[in-house]
C-alpha atoms as a PDB file:
ATOM      1  CA  MET A   1       0.000   0.077   0.031  1.00  0.00           C
ATOM      2  CA  LYS A   2       1.544   3.301  -1.106  1.00  0.00           C
ATOM      3  CA  ARG A   3       0.904   6.190   1.274  1.00  0.00           C
ATOM      4  CA  ARG A   4      -0.553   9.297  -0.289  1.00  0.00           C
ATOM      5  CA  THR A   5       0.999  12.737   0.224  1.00  0.00           C
ATOM      6  CA  VAL A   6      -0.984  15.650   1.696  1.00  0.00           C
ATOM      7  CA  GLU A   7      -1.263  17.139  -1.787  1.00  0.00           C
ATOM      8  CA  GLN A   8      -2.715  13.941  -3.144  1.00  0.00           C
ATOM      9  CA  ILE A   9      -5.235  13.752  -0.329  1.00  0.00           C
ATOM     10  CA  LYS A  10      -6.293  17.383  -0.891  1.00  0.00           C
ATOM     11  CA  ALA A  11      -6.696  16.655  -4.667  1.00  0.00           C
ATOM     12  CA  ASP A  12      -8.849  13.595  -3.917  1.00  0.00           C
ATOM     13  CA  ILE A  13     -11.039  15.669  -1.558  1.00  0.00           C
ATOM     14  CA  LYS A  14     -11.552  18.254  -4.255  1.00  0.00           C
ATOM     15  CA  ARG A  15     -12.452  15.527  -6.746  1.00  0.00           C
ATOM     16  CA  GLY A  16     -14.734  13.779  -4.229  1.00  0.00           C
ATOM     17  CA  SER A  17     -13.140  10.445  -5.055  1.00  0.00           C
ATOM     18  CA  LYS A  18     -10.110   8.268  -4.298  1.00  0.00           C
ATOM     19  CA  VAL A  19      -8.392   5.084  -5.570  1.00  0.00           C
ATOM     20  CA  CYS A  20      -9.230   1.862  -3.749  1.00  0.00           C
ATOM     21  CA  ASN A  21      -6.020   0.145  -2.477  1.00  0.00           C
ATOM     22  CA  ALA A  22      -7.465  -3.316  -3.223  1.00  0.00           C
ATOM     23  CA  CYS A  23      -8.875  -3.047  -6.745  1.00  0.00           C
ATOM     24  CA  GLY A  24      -6.990   0.031  -7.894  1.00  0.00           C
ATOM     25  CA  LYS A  25     -10.159   1.715  -9.288  1.00  0.00           C
ATOM     26  CA  ARG A  26     -11.034   5.314  -8.615  1.00  0.00           C
ATOM     27  CA  LYS A  27     -14.431   5.559  -6.891  1.00  0.00           C
ATOM     28  CA  GLU A  28     -16.514   8.280  -5.301  1.00  0.00           C
ATOM     29  CA  PHE A  29     -16.321   8.724  -1.479  1.00  0.00           C
ATOM     30  CA  CYS A  30     -19.825   7.285  -1.068  1.00  0.00           C
ATOM     31  CA  ASN A  31     -18.295   3.866  -1.957  1.00  0.00           C
ATOM     32  CA  PHE A  32     -16.009   3.980   1.126  1.00  0.00           C
ATOM     33  CA  ILE A  33     -16.680   3.694   4.878  1.00  0.00           C
ATOM     34  CA  LYS A  34     -16.019   6.913   6.817  1.00  0.00           C
ATOM     35  CA  GLN A  35     -13.224   7.102   9.347  1.00  0.00           C
ATOM     36  CA  SER A  36     -11.225   9.843  11.087  1.00  0.00           C
ATOM     37  CA  GLY A  37      -7.939  11.233   9.703  1.00  0.00           C
ATOM     38  CA  GLY A  38      -6.588  11.583   6.182  1.00  0.00           C
ATOM     39  CA  ASP A  39      -9.335  12.217   3.705  1.00  0.00           C
ATOM     40  CA  GLY A  40     -11.998  10.802   6.133  1.00  0.00           C
ATOM     41  CA  TYR A  41     -12.505   7.425   4.443  1.00  0.00           C
ATOM     42  CA  VAL A  42     -10.962   3.900   4.723  1.00  0.00           C
ATOM     43  CA  ASN A  43      -8.544   2.741   1.967  1.00  0.00           C
ATOM     44  CA  GLU A  44     -10.664  -0.049   0.490  1.00  0.00           C
ATOM     45  CA  CYS A  45     -13.988   0.396  -1.223  1.00  0.00           C
ATOM     46  CA  ASN A  46     -17.145  -1.280   0.153  1.00  0.00           C
ATOM     47  CA  ASP A  47     -17.169  -3.830  -2.680  1.00  0.00           C
ATOM     48  CA  CYS A  48     -13.584  -5.038  -1.914  1.00  0.00           C
ATOM     49  CA  LYS A  49     -14.229  -5.110   1.828  1.00  0.00           C
ATOM     50  CA  ASN A  50     -17.395  -7.141   1.294  1.00  0.00           C
ATOM     51  CA  ALA A  51     -15.639  -9.524  -1.064  1.00  0.00           C
ATOM     52  CA  LYS A  52     -12.899 -10.154   1.536  1.00  0.00           C
ATOM     53  CA  ARG A  53     -15.541 -10.651   4.263  1.00  0.00           C
ATOM     54  CA  ARG A  54     -17.414 -13.194   2.157  1.00  0.00           C
ATOM     55  CA  LYS A  55     -14.184 -15.015   1.327  1.00  0.00           C
ATOM     56  CA  ARG A  56     -13.264 -15.247   5.087  1.00  0.00           C
ATOM     57  CA  ALA A  57     -16.730 -16.389   5.976  1.00  0.00           C
ATOM     58  CA  THR A  58     -16.672 -19.383   3.627  1.00  0.00           C
ATOM     59  CA  PRO A  59     -16.035 -22.401   5.838  1.00  0.00           C
ATOM     60  CA  ASN A  60     -13.196 -24.777   4.945  1.00  0.00           C
ATOM     61  CA  TYR A  61     -15.372 -27.819   5.446  1.00  0.00           C
ATOM     62  CA  LYS A  62     -18.450 -28.136   3.136  1.00  0.00           C
ATOM     63  CA  ARG A  63     -21.067 -30.710   4.130  1.00  0.00           C
ATOM     64  CA  THR A  64     -23.550 -32.465   1.889  1.00  0.00           C
ATOM     65  CA  PRO A  65     -27.233 -32.411   2.955  1.00  0.00           C
ATOM     66  CA  GLU A  66     -26.752 -36.051   4.121  1.00  0.00           C
ATOM     67  CA  GLN A  67     -23.807 -35.107   6.284  1.00  0.00           C
ATOM     68  CA  LEU A  68     -25.689 -32.217   7.758  1.00  0.00           C
ATOM     69  CA  ALA A  69     -28.672 -34.454   8.631  1.00  0.00           C
ATOM     70  CA  TYR A  70     -26.265 -37.015  10.202  1.00  0.00           C
ATOM     71  CA  ASP A  71     -24.503 -34.235  12.242  1.00  0.00           C
ATOM     72  CA  ILE A  72     -27.849 -32.851  13.486  1.00  0.00           C
ATOM     73  CA  ALA A  73     -29.144 -36.244  14.412  1.00  0.00           C
ATOM     74  CA  ASN A  74     -25.987 -37.112  16.396  1.00  0.00           C
ATOM     75  CA  GLY A  75     -25.487 -33.626  17.900  1.00  0.00           C
ATOM     76  CA  SER A  76     -21.932 -33.378  16.617  1.00  0.00           C
ATOM     77  CA  LYS A  77     -19.935 -32.073  13.686  1.00  0.00           C
ATOM     78  CA  VAL A  78     -16.396 -31.935  12.226  1.00  0.00           C
ATOM     79  CA  CYS A  79     -14.304 -28.804  13.110  1.00  0.00           C
ATOM     80  CA  GLY A  80     -13.278 -26.988   9.920  1.00  0.00           C
ATOM     81  CA  LYS A  81      -9.867 -26.345  11.380  1.00  0.00           C
ATOM     82  CA  CYS A  82      -8.631 -29.378  13.276  1.00  0.00           C
ATOM     83  CA  GLY A  83     -10.857 -31.987  11.480  1.00  0.00           C
ATOM     84  CA  GLU A  84     -12.011 -33.610  14.764  1.00  0.00           C
ATOM     85  CA  ARG A  85     -15.570 -34.687  15.288  1.00  0.00           C
ATOM     86  CA  LYS A  86     -16.961 -32.954  18.390  1.00  0.00           C
ATOM     87  CA  ALA A  87     -20.269 -32.438  20.167  1.00  0.00           C
ATOM     88  CA  PHE A  88     -22.153 -29.213  19.335  1.00  0.00           C
ATOM     89  CA  LYS A  89     -21.353 -27.926  22.834  1.00  0.00           C
ATOM     90  CA  HIS A  90     -17.700 -27.529  21.716  1.00  0.00           C
ATOM     91  CA  PHE A  91     -18.767 -25.005  19.023  1.00  0.00           C
ATOM     92  CA  PRO A  92     -19.878 -21.383  19.463  1.00  0.00           C
ATOM     93  CA  ASN A  93     -23.484 -20.693  18.418  1.00  0.00           C
ATOM     94  CA  ALA A  94     -23.859 -19.045  14.990  1.00  0.00           C
ATOM     95  CA  THR A  95     -27.107 -17.836  13.478  1.00  0.00           C
ATOM     96  CA  LYS A  96     -25.788 -18.284   9.910  1.00  0.00           C
ATOM     97  CA  GLY A  97     -24.660 -21.921  10.351  1.00  0.00           C
ATOM     98  CA  ALA A  98     -27.031 -24.577   8.936  1.00  0.00           C
ATOM     99  CA  ASP A  99     -26.896 -26.399  12.283  1.00  0.00           C
ATOM    100  CA  GLY A 100     -26.787 -23.257  14.366  1.00  0.00           C
ATOM    101  CA  HIS A 101     -23.139 -23.584  15.282  1.00  0.00           C
ATOM    102  CA  ASP A 102     -19.827 -22.068  14.071  1.00  0.00           C
ATOM    103  CA  CYS A 103     -17.581 -24.099  11.727  1.00  0.00           C
ATOM    104  CA  THR A 104     -14.593 -23.793  14.136  1.00  0.00           C
ATOM    105  CA  CYS A 105     -14.523 -25.376  17.602  1.00  0.00           C
ATOM    106  CA  TYR A 106     -13.707 -23.347  20.745  1.00  0.00           C
ATOM    107  CA  SER A 107     -10.171 -24.823  20.930  1.00  0.00           C
ATOM    108  CA  CYS A 108      -9.197 -23.781  17.422  1.00  0.00           C
ATOM    109  CA  LYS A 109     -11.012 -20.372  17.346  1.00  0.00           C
ATOM    110  CA  PRO A 110      -8.338 -18.483  19.393  1.00  0.00           C
ATOM    111  CA  MET A 111      -5.582 -19.919  17.330  1.00  0.00           C
ATOM    112  CA  ARG A 112      -7.309 -19.021  14.088  1.00  0.00           C
ATOM    113  CA  ASN A 113      -7.896 -15.419  15.243  1.00  0.00           C
ATOM    114  CA  LYS A 114      -4.368 -15.000  16.622  1.00  0.00           C
ATOM    115  CA  ARG A 115      -2.832 -16.359  13.382  1.00  0.00           C
ATOM    116  CA  TYR A 116      -4.973 -14.022  11.258  1.00  0.00           C
ATOM    117  CA  ASN A 117      -4.055 -11.010  13.432  1.00  0.00           C
ATOM    118  CA  THR A 118      -0.332 -11.664  13.575  1.00  0.00           C
ATOM    119  CA  ALA A 119       0.274 -12.833  10.047  1.00  0.00           C
ATOM    120  CA  SER A 120      -1.845 -10.374   8.149  1.00  0.00           C
ATOM    121  CA  ARG A 121      -1.588  -7.196  10.415  1.00  0.00           C
ATOM    122  CA  TYR A 122       2.067  -7.370  11.459  1.00  0.00           C
ATOM    123  CA  ASN A 123       3.571  -9.804   8.877  1.00  0.00           C
ATOM    124  CA  ILE A 124       5.271 -11.949  11.541  1.00  0.00           C
ATOM    125  CA  THR A 125       5.040 -15.645  12.326  1.00  0.00           C
ATOM    126  CA  GLU A 126       3.176 -17.038  15.343  1.00  0.00           C
ATOM    127  CA  GLU A 127       6.528 -18.039  16.858  1.00  0.00           C
ATOM    128  CA  GLU A 128       7.856 -14.404  16.538  1.00  0.00           C
ATOM    129  CA  TYR A 129       4.567 -13.195  18.037  1.00  0.00           C
ATOM    130  CA  GLN A 130       4.918 -15.531  21.026  1.00  0.00           C
ATOM    131  CA  GLU A 131       8.576 -14.503  21.525  1.00  0.00           C
ATOM    132  CA  ILE A 132       7.687 -10.782  21.533  1.00  0.00           C
ATOM    133  CA  ILE A 133       4.693 -11.162  23.868  1.00  0.00           C
ATOM    134  CA  SER A 134       6.691 -13.435  26.312  1.00  0.00           C
ATOM    135  CA  ARG A 135       8.807 -10.349  27.207  1.00  0.00           C
ATOM    136  CA  GLY A 136       5.876  -8.433  28.569  1.00  0.00           C
ATOM    137  CA  CYS A 137       5.494  -4.649  28.350  1.00  0.00           C
ATOM    138  CA  GLU A 138       8.857  -3.101  27.513  1.00  0.00           C
ATOM    139  CA  VAL A 139       7.967   0.086  29.413  1.00  0.00           C
ATOM    140  CA  CYS A 140       6.231  -0.889  32.623  1.00  0.00           C
ATOM    141  CA  GLY A 141       6.824  -4.656  32.705  1.00  0.00           C
ATOM    142  CA  SER A 142       3.134  -5.525  32.860  1.00  0.00           C
ATOM    143  CA  ARG A 143       2.045  -8.905  31.471  1.00  0.00           C
ATOM    144  CA  GLU A 144      -1.634  -8.118  31.067  1.00  0.00           C
ATOM    145  CA  ASN A 145      -3.505  -6.639  28.070  1.00  0.00           C
ATOM    146  CA  LEU A 146      -0.388  -6.844  25.769  1.00  0.00           C
ATOM    147  CA  CYS A 147      -0.270  -5.399  22.280  1.00  0.00           C
ATOM    148  CA  ILE A 148       2.209  -5.491  19.488  1.00  0.00           C
ATOM    149  CA  ASP A 149       3.695  -1.991  18.960  1.00  0.00           C
ATOM    150  CA  HIS A 150       4.591  -1.054  15.452  1.00  0.00           C
ATOM    151  CA  CYS A 151       5.631   2.024  13.440  1.00  0.00           C
ATOM    152  CA  HIS A 152       2.638   3.454  11.639  1.00  0.00           C
ATOM    153  CA  THR A 153       4.852   4.762   8.847  1.00  0.00           C
ATOM    154  CA  THR A 154       6.898   1.690   8.027  1.00  0.00           C
ATOM    155  CA  GLY A 155       4.649  -1.016   9.510  1.00  0.00           C
ATOM    156  CA  LYS A 156       7.801  -2.480  11.225  1.00  0.00           C
ATOM    157  CA  VAL A 157       7.187  -4.200  14.606  1.00  0.00           C
ATOM    158  CA  ARG A 158       9.013  -2.398  17.416  1.00  0.00           C
ATOM    159  CA  GLY A 159       8.122  -4.635  20.362  1.00  0.00           C
ATOM    160  CA  CYS A 160       5.466  -5.273  22.967  1.00  0.00           C
ATOM    161  CA  LEU A 161       3.535  -2.787  25.125  1.00  0.00           C
ATOM    162  CA  CYS A 162       0.575  -3.101  27.473  1.00  0.00           C
ATOM    163  CA  SER A 163      -2.557  -1.348  26.313  1.00  0.00           C
ATOM    164  CA  ASN A 164      -2.054   1.603  28.671  1.00  0.00           C
ATOM    165  CA  CYS A 165       1.607   2.297  27.477  1.00  0.00           C
ATOM    166  CA  ASN A 166       0.523   1.728  23.866  1.00  0.00           C
ATOM    167  CA  THR A 167      -2.318   4.254  24.235  1.00  0.00           C
ATOM    168  CA  ALA A 168      -0.006   6.793  25.894  1.00  0.00           C
ATOM    169  CA  LEU A 169       2.507   6.417  23.085  1.00  0.00           C
ATOM    170  CA  GLY A 170      -0.155   6.943  20.462  1.00  0.00           C
ATOM    171  CA  LEU A 171      -1.552  10.006  22.230  1.00  0.00           C
ATOM    172  CA  MET A 172       1.979  11.447  22.068  1.00  0.00           C
ATOM    173  CA  TYR A 173       2.009  10.782  18.260  1.00  0.00           C
ATOM    174  CA  ASP A 174       4.988   8.457  18.713  1.00  0.00           C
ATOM    175  CA  ASN A 175       7.134  11.577  19.154  1.00  0.00           C
ATOM    176  CA  PRO A 176      10.121  11.130  21.447  1.00  0.00           C
ATOM    177  CA  ASP A 177      10.419  14.876  22.023  1.00  0.00           C
ATOM    178  CA  ASN A 178       6.777  15.019  23.318  1.00  0.00           C
ATOM    179  CA  ILE A 179       7.438  12.082  25.601  1.00  0.00           C
ATOM    180  CA  ILE A 180      10.619  13.716  27.067  1.00  0.00           C
ATOM    181  CA  LYS A 181       8.778  17.004  27.592  1.00  0.00           C
ATOM    182  CA  LEU A 182       5.927  15.184  29.346  1.00  0.00           C
ATOM    183  CA  SER A 183       8.421  13.302  31.561  1.00  0.00           C
ATOM    184  CA  LYS A 184      10.186  16.576  32.528  1.00  0.00           C
ATOM    185  CA  TYR A 185       6.824  18.181  33.205  1.00  0.00           C
ATOM    186  CA  ILE A 186       5.595  15.489  35.592  1.00  0.00           C
ATOM    187  CA  LYS A 187       9.011  15.464  37.432  1.00  0.00           C
ATOM    188  CA  ARG A 188       8.890  19.248  37.769  1.00  0.00           C
ATOM    189  CA  THR A 189       5.233  19.536  38.907  1.00  0.00           C
ATOM    190  CA  GLY A 190       5.079  16.332  41.036  1.00  0.00           C
ATOM    191  CA  LYS A 191       2.255  13.964  41.574  1.00  0.00           C
ATOM    192  CA  PHE A 192      -1.162  14.857  42.989  1.00  0.00           C
END
């Protein structure tokens, strides 16, 4: 994804349209979801976002009507991730599922979500993710509510922070000068 310059963003706002990062087509702003910052719209058009959502929602394991009837009669199904047959109680409820249950069992669901988040968002392996998280917060040492910290310009992973330290860093716009000034301020004024 190529970042746009301020001039390009201003030109797009004047035109009332922008180029979708997924399909590369120029579309009017009404084809994008609103968000804060930049030109006020996400980088992928609604059509591309919906296509991705539909692709992700397609289960890995397709059942024939006979298999579905067998599963419902026996109160069990095969997990689309691990391939094990388990009772319905081992699957989250899902209104869209033909049998009323999700296609992935409770045991596999966290692994699927974690793998999606680490691989696609930060472009690191699950092993690298575990190694980074195992260190805890690199500012305060907390081991709760940990996040992967990354540079918003380059996308490069910097390390692990707890959600409080990560939020504080974001509120300071990742600017070391602001952080040093804030530190000097709190030392000078003291605590309440």
